[in-house]
Structures are given as structure tokens and as C-alpha cells.
Amino acid sequence: MQFSKMHGLGNDFMVVDAVTQNVFFSPELIRRLADRHLGVGFDQLLVVEPPYDPELDFPLSHLQCRR
């Protein structure tokens, strides 16, 4: 899985492009990836999804993860 990790205002973001790659996030996978010692380490996961209508929208899923 390709992703970007970004930081801003004390938050860590994992940003995943689900337009160009197929991704599935189970709750367990999110917990493992969010772990700062064993995974990527983030408190927010952003997933950019394919648009339903490219001329009108561009879905973005935002998951707030607890530390």
C-alpha cells in the first residue's frame, strides 16, 4: 500500500490514495498502522476515494484514531 504521512498542528496524518489502488482497512489493520511503536504512527487516517461523479464530487473518508 502506498501512502503519505503528513504532520500539522500536532497531528499526524496517514493519507491513502484509494483512486489509484485498491485498499481495505479492517479495524485491526487501522489499529496496527496507527501504533507509533509498531506501525506508521498516526492519529488521523485520510482516504481519498474514487468520485461517484468526477464532475461533481471527490469523496474523502476521515477517521479519527485514539492515541
C-alpha atoms as a PDB file:
ATOM      1  CA  MET A   1       0.000   0.000   0.000  1.00  0.00           C
ATOM      2  CA  GLN A   2       1.348   3.403  -0.943  1.00  0.00           C
ATOM      3  CA  PHE A   3       0.629   6.334   1.343  1.00  0.00           C
ATOM      4  CA  SER A   4       1.915   9.704   2.505  1.00  0.00           C
ATOM      5  CA  LYS A   5       2.472  10.690   6.106  1.00  0.00           C
ATOM      6  CA  MET A   6       1.884  14.328   6.972  1.00  0.00           C
ATOM      7  CA  HIS A   7       2.136  16.422  10.125  1.00  0.00           C
ATOM      8  CA  GLY A   8       0.296  19.582  11.093  1.00  0.00           C
ATOM      9  CA  LEU A   9      -0.665  21.402  14.285  1.00  0.00           C
ATOM     10  CA  GLY A  10       0.352  18.485  16.485  1.00  0.00           C
ATOM     11  CA  ASN A  11      -1.460  15.858  14.413  1.00  0.00           C
ATOM     12  CA  ASP A  12      -0.050  13.004  12.340  1.00  0.00           C
ATOM     13  CA  PHE A  13      -1.963  12.021   9.209  1.00  0.00           C
ATOM     14  CA  MET A  14      -1.696   8.925   7.051  1.00  0.00           C
ATOM     15  CA  VAL A  15      -3.105   9.818   3.609  1.00  0.00           C
ATOM     16  CA  VAL A  16      -4.030   6.974   1.256  1.00  0.00           C
ATOM     17  CA  ASP A  17      -4.988   7.360  -2.401  1.00  0.00           C
ATOM     18  CA  ALA A  18      -7.767   4.807  -2.979  1.00  0.00           C
ATOM     19  CA  VAL A  19      -8.315   6.133  -6.506  1.00  0.00           C
ATOM     20  CA  THR A  20      -5.193   4.511  -7.974  1.00  0.00           C
ATOM     21  CA  GLN A  21      -5.010   1.451  -5.691  1.00  0.00           C
ATOM     22  CA  ASN A  22      -7.468  -0.949  -4.069  1.00  0.00           C
ATOM     23  CA  VAL A  23      -7.397  -0.720  -0.282  1.00  0.00           C
ATOM     24  CA  PHE A  24      -9.411  -2.221   2.556  1.00  0.00           C
ATOM     25  CA  PHE A  25      -8.976  -1.152   6.162  1.00  0.00           C
ATOM     26  CA  SER A  26     -10.203  -3.521   8.842  1.00  0.00           C
ATOM     27  CA  PRO A  27     -10.386  -2.104  12.373  1.00  0.00           C
ATOM     28  CA  GLU A  28      -7.435  -4.317  13.381  1.00  0.00           C
ATOM     29  CA  LEU A  29      -5.293  -3.099  10.467  1.00  0.00           C
ATOM     30  CA  ILE A  30      -6.048   0.523  11.351  1.00  0.00           C
ATOM     31  CA  ARG A  31      -5.044  -0.118  14.983  1.00  0.00           C
ATOM     32  CA  ARG A  32      -1.758  -1.737  13.903  1.00  0.00           C
ATOM     33  CA  LEU A  33      -0.910   1.011  11.409  1.00  0.00           C
ATOM     34  CA  ALA A  34      -1.767   3.768  13.909  1.00  0.00           C
ATOM     35  CA  ASP A  35       0.561   2.325  16.587  1.00  0.00           C
ATOM     36  CA  ARG A  36       3.566   4.642  16.938  1.00  0.00           C
ATOM     37  CA  HIS A  37       5.872   1.814  18.050  1.00  0.00           C
ATOM     38  CA  LEU A  38       4.891  -0.976  15.658  1.00  0.00           C
ATOM     39  CA  GLY A  39       3.252   0.766  12.705  1.00  0.00           C
ATOM     40  CA  VAL A  40       3.256   4.010  10.750  1.00  0.00           C
ATOM     41  CA  GLY A  41       2.011   6.014  13.725  1.00  0.00           C
ATOM     42  CA  PHE A  42      -0.831   8.469  13.173  1.00  0.00           C
ATOM     43  CA  ASP A  43      -3.878   9.879  14.883  1.00  0.00           C
ATOM     44  CA  GLN A  44      -5.911  10.557  11.731  1.00  0.00           C
ATOM     45  CA  LEU A  45      -6.382   8.446   8.606  1.00  0.00           C
ATOM     46  CA  LEU A  46      -7.488  10.181   5.394  1.00  0.00           C
ATOM     47  CA  VAL A  47      -8.591   8.034   2.450  1.00  0.00           C
ATOM     48  CA  VAL A  48      -9.195   9.715  -0.921  1.00  0.00           C
ATOM     49  CA  GLU A  49     -11.796   7.627  -2.727  1.00  0.00           C
ATOM     50  CA  PRO A  50     -12.894   7.488  -6.375  1.00  0.00           C
ATOM     51  CA  PRO A  51     -15.627  10.017  -7.207  1.00  0.00           C
ATOM     52  CA  TYR A  52     -19.174   8.855  -7.880  1.00  0.00           C
ATOM     53  CA  ASP A  53     -19.409  11.593 -10.492  1.00  0.00           C
ATOM     54  CA  PRO A  54     -15.997  13.049 -11.452  1.00  0.00           C
ATOM     55  CA  GLU A  55     -17.573  16.386 -12.382  1.00  0.00           C
ATOM     56  CA  LEU A  56     -19.303  16.847  -9.026  1.00  0.00           C
ATOM     57  CA  ASP A  57     -17.559  15.200  -6.110  1.00  0.00           C
ATOM     58  CA  PHE A  58     -14.427  13.638  -4.677  1.00  0.00           C
ATOM     59  CA  PRO A  59     -15.117  11.553  -1.535  1.00  0.00           C
ATOM     60  CA  LEU A  60     -12.722  11.780   1.399  1.00  0.00           C
ATOM     61  CA  SER A  61     -13.003   9.440   4.391  1.00  0.00           C
ATOM     62  CA  HIS A  62     -11.621  10.812   7.645  1.00  0.00           C
ATOM     63  CA  LEU A  63     -11.040   8.500  10.613  1.00  0.00           C
ATOM     64  CA  GLN A  64     -10.014   9.938  13.970  1.00  0.00           C
ATOM     65  CA  CYS A  65      -7.834   7.437  15.837  1.00  0.00           C
ATOM     66  CA  ARG A  66      -7.293   7.488  19.569  1.00  0.00           C
ATOM     67  CA  ARG A  67      -3.792   7.505  20.943  1.00  0.00           C
END
